[in-house]
Amino acid sequence: MMNKIGLFKILFLLFTADYLESLLAPILINAYINLPLTFLTFSFIIYKSGSYSSPIFSFLLGLYVDIISDSPIGLNAMLFCLMLYLVNSYSNTFRLFSYFQVCLFFSASSLFFIGFTNLFINIDNFSYLELFVSFIFITVMLVLLAIPRFSFLRIESSR
């Protein structure tokens, strides 16, 4: 399933996520929402795929995202390595979590990503309102994406 994903598919997914993020960012920032689609895509890939758990792989993917998104070189690479470390550290614990708790973990990690990148890129316009609204928006978005998983489990358990 997801652990059979190829390198070119990962690069294409990250490129597409970065492109969508660049299209949505000017619209969403008017509502104080910062949606790191590229980071969430990378997080989903390493969460679902056990075969790409190397720090060198995540660092190189971060450099790729730095280049295509015109970020400071090494910023995404460092944060991708940190996210890989967190997901690998808690990989066994995620099995005990509910989907809601996993959604909260990934929305909190994206909140950290937004805050950290704003410290480097946008220190003059650092906004706690943006962090709070983005956290709420991302949490609701991830929970809404996980709802089909909830209903699937409920239907299966009632049989």
Protein backbone atom coordinates (compact mmCIF):
# COMPACT_ATOMS: atom_id res chain seq x y z
CA MET A 1 0.00 0.00 0.00
CA MET A 2 1.77 3.15 1.18
CA ASN A 3 5.10 1.49 1.98
CA LYS A 4 5.52 0.63 -1.72
CA ILE A 5 5.57 4.28 -2.81
CA GLY A 6 8.44 5.13 -5.12
CA LEU A 7 10.91 7.98 -4.96
CA PHE A 8 9.57 9.75 -8.03
CA LYS A 9 6.05 9.57 -6.69
CA ILE A 10 7.23 11.15 -3.42
CA LEU A 11 9.02 13.92 -5.32
CA PHE A 12 5.92 14.49 -7.43
CA LEU A 13 3.65 14.57 -4.34
CA LEU A 14 5.92 17.08 -2.62
CA PHE A 15 6.11 19.22 -5.76
CA THR A 16 2.32 19.16 -6.15
CA ALA A 17 1.81 19.98 -2.48
CA ASP A 18 4.25 22.88 -2.73
CA TYR A 19 2.48 24.17 -5.83
CA LEU A 20 -0.93 23.97 -4.15
CA GLU A 21 0.50 25.62 -1.06
CA SER A 22 1.83 28.50 -3.17
CA LEU A 23 -1.61 28.92 -4.75
CA LEU A 24 -3.55 28.75 -1.49
CA ALA A 25 -1.21 30.81 0.68
CA PRO A 26 -2.17 34.28 -0.65
CA ILE A 27 -5.86 33.45 -0.19
CA LEU A 28 -5.66 31.83 3.24
CA ILE A 29 -3.31 34.39 4.77
CA ASN A 30 -6.12 36.96 4.58
CA ALA A 31 -7.91 34.82 7.19
CA TYR A 32 -4.66 34.43 9.21
CA ILE A 33 -4.32 30.80 8.11
CA ASN A 34 -0.97 29.31 7.20
CA LEU A 35 -1.40 25.81 5.77
CA PRO A 36 1.91 23.92 5.40
CA LEU A 37 0.72 21.36 2.85
CA THR A 38 4.24 20.30 1.92
CA PHE A 39 5.14 19.58 5.54
CA LEU A 40 1.86 17.71 6.12
CA THR A 41 2.42 15.68 2.94
CA PHE A 42 5.92 14.74 4.07
CA SER A 43 4.58 13.90 7.53
CA PHE A 44 1.91 11.64 6.05
CA ILE A 45 4.47 9.89 3.83
CA ILE A 46 6.80 9.07 6.71
CA TYR A 47 3.89 8.16 8.99
CA LYS A 48 2.45 5.66 6.52
CA SER A 49 5.70 4.42 4.97
CA GLY A 50 8.16 2.40 6.97
CA SER A 51 10.69 2.09 4.17
CA TYR A 52 11.78 5.75 4.06
CA SER A 53 12.88 6.31 7.62
CA SER A 54 16.44 7.42 7.00
CA PRO A 55 17.53 10.86 8.25
CA ILE A 56 19.62 11.32 5.11
CA PHE A 57 16.54 10.67 2.96
CA SER A 58 14.46 13.20 4.91
CA PHE A 59 17.31 15.73 4.81
CA LEU A 60 17.60 15.38 1.03
CA LEU A 61 13.82 15.69 0.63
CA GLY A 62 13.98 18.81 2.79
CA LEU A 63 16.69 20.26 0.56
CA TYR A 64 14.52 19.45 -2.46
CA VAL A 65 11.60 21.32 -0.86
CA ASP A 66 13.92 24.20 0.05
CA ILE A 67 14.95 24.51 -3.58
CA ILE A 68 11.48 24.28 -5.11
CA SER A 69 9.84 26.54 -2.51
CA ASP A 70 12.58 29.19 -2.44
CA SER A 71 13.09 28.78 1.32
CA PRO A 72 16.39 29.31 3.10
CA ILE A 73 18.56 26.30 2.32
CA GLY A 74 18.43 23.81 5.15
CA LEU A 75 15.31 25.10 6.91
CA ASN A 76 12.92 22.43 5.63
CA ALA A 77 15.72 19.87 5.68
CA MET A 78 16.26 20.42 9.39
CA LEU A 79 12.54 20.42 10.19
CA PHE A 80 11.93 17.30 8.08
CA CYS A 81 14.69 15.49 9.98
CA LEU A 82 13.12 16.58 13.26
CA MET A 83 9.70 15.35 12.13
CA LEU A 84 11.19 12.03 11.04
CA TYR A 85 12.78 11.66 14.45
CA LEU A 86 9.48 12.37 16.22
CA VAL A 87 7.47 9.98 14.05
CA ASN A 88 10.07 7.22 14.42
CA SER A 89 10.30 7.79 18.17
CA TYR A 90 6.55 7.51 18.65
CA SER A 91 5.82 4.93 15.94
CA ASN A 92 4.80 2.27 18.46
CA THR A 93 2.87 4.78 20.56
CA PHE A 94 0.77 5.86 17.55
CA ARG A 95 -0.84 2.43 17.56
CA LEU A 96 -2.30 3.19 20.99
CA PHE A 97 -3.56 6.65 19.99
CA SER A 98 -6.98 7.32 18.57
CA TYR A 99 -7.27 9.01 15.20
CA PHE A 100 -8.19 12.23 16.97
CA GLN A 101 -4.97 12.14 19.00
CA VAL A 102 -2.92 11.48 15.87
CA CYS A 103 -4.66 14.45 14.20
CA LEU A 104 -3.78 16.60 17.21
CA PHE A 105 -0.15 15.44 17.05
CA PHE A 106 0.21 16.34 13.38
CA SER A 107 -1.58 19.67 13.78
CA ALA A 108 0.67 20.53 16.74
CA SER A 109 3.75 19.55 14.74
CA SER A 110 2.56 21.74 11.85
CA LEU A 111 2.04 24.54 14.38
CA PHE A 112 5.68 24.12 15.44
CA PHE A 113 6.69 24.13 11.75
CA ILE A 114 4.78 27.37 11.11
CA GLY A 115 6.20 29.06 14.20
CA PHE A 116 9.75 27.97 13.49
CA THR A 117 9.68 29.03 9.85
CA ASN A 118 8.15 32.36 10.82
CA LEU A 119 11.00 32.92 13.25
CA PHE A 120 13.48 32.54 10.41
CA ILE A 121 11.62 34.06 7.48
CA ASN A 122 9.09 36.45 8.94
CA ILE A 123 10.35 37.64 12.34
CA ASP A 124 8.99 41.17 11.87
CA ASN A 125 5.46 39.91 11.24
CA PHE A 126 5.37 37.06 13.75
CA SER A 127 1.73 36.60 14.73
CA TYR A 128 0.30 34.51 17.54
CA LEU A 129 -3.11 34.99 15.99
CA GLU A 130 -1.86 33.31 12.83
CA LEU A 131 -0.49 30.41 14.88
CA PHE A 132 -3.73 29.96 16.82
CA VAL A 133 -6.05 30.22 13.80
CA SER A 134 -3.79 27.92 11.76
CA PHE A 135 -3.76 25.35 14.56
CA ILE A 136 -7.56 25.35 14.78
CA PHE A 137 -7.95 25.20 10.99
CA ILE A 138 -5.43 22.38 10.53
CA THR A 139 -6.91 20.38 13.41
CA VAL A 140 -10.42 20.66 11.97
CA MET A 141 -9.13 19.83 8.47
CA LEU A 142 -7.27 16.72 9.67
CA VAL A 143 -10.23 15.53 11.76
CA LEU A 144 -12.54 16.00 8.77
CA LEU A 145 -10.11 13.99 6.63
CA ALA A 146 -10.09 11.25 9.28
CA ILE A 147 -13.89 11.05 9.65
CA PRO A 148 -14.27 8.42 6.89
CA ARG A 149 -11.87 6.32 8.92
CA PHE A 150 -14.07 6.74 12.02
CA SER A 151 -17.28 5.73 10.23
CA PHE A 152 -15.56 2.80 8.53
CA LEU A 153 -14.46 1.43 11.90
CA ARG A 154 -17.89 1.99 13.44
CA ILE A 155 -19.68 0.15 10.61
CA GLU A 156 -17.24 -2.74 10.74
CA SER A 157 -17.43 -3.12 14.52
CA SER A 158 -21.25 -3.21 14.54
CA ARG A 159 -21.39 -6.26 12.26
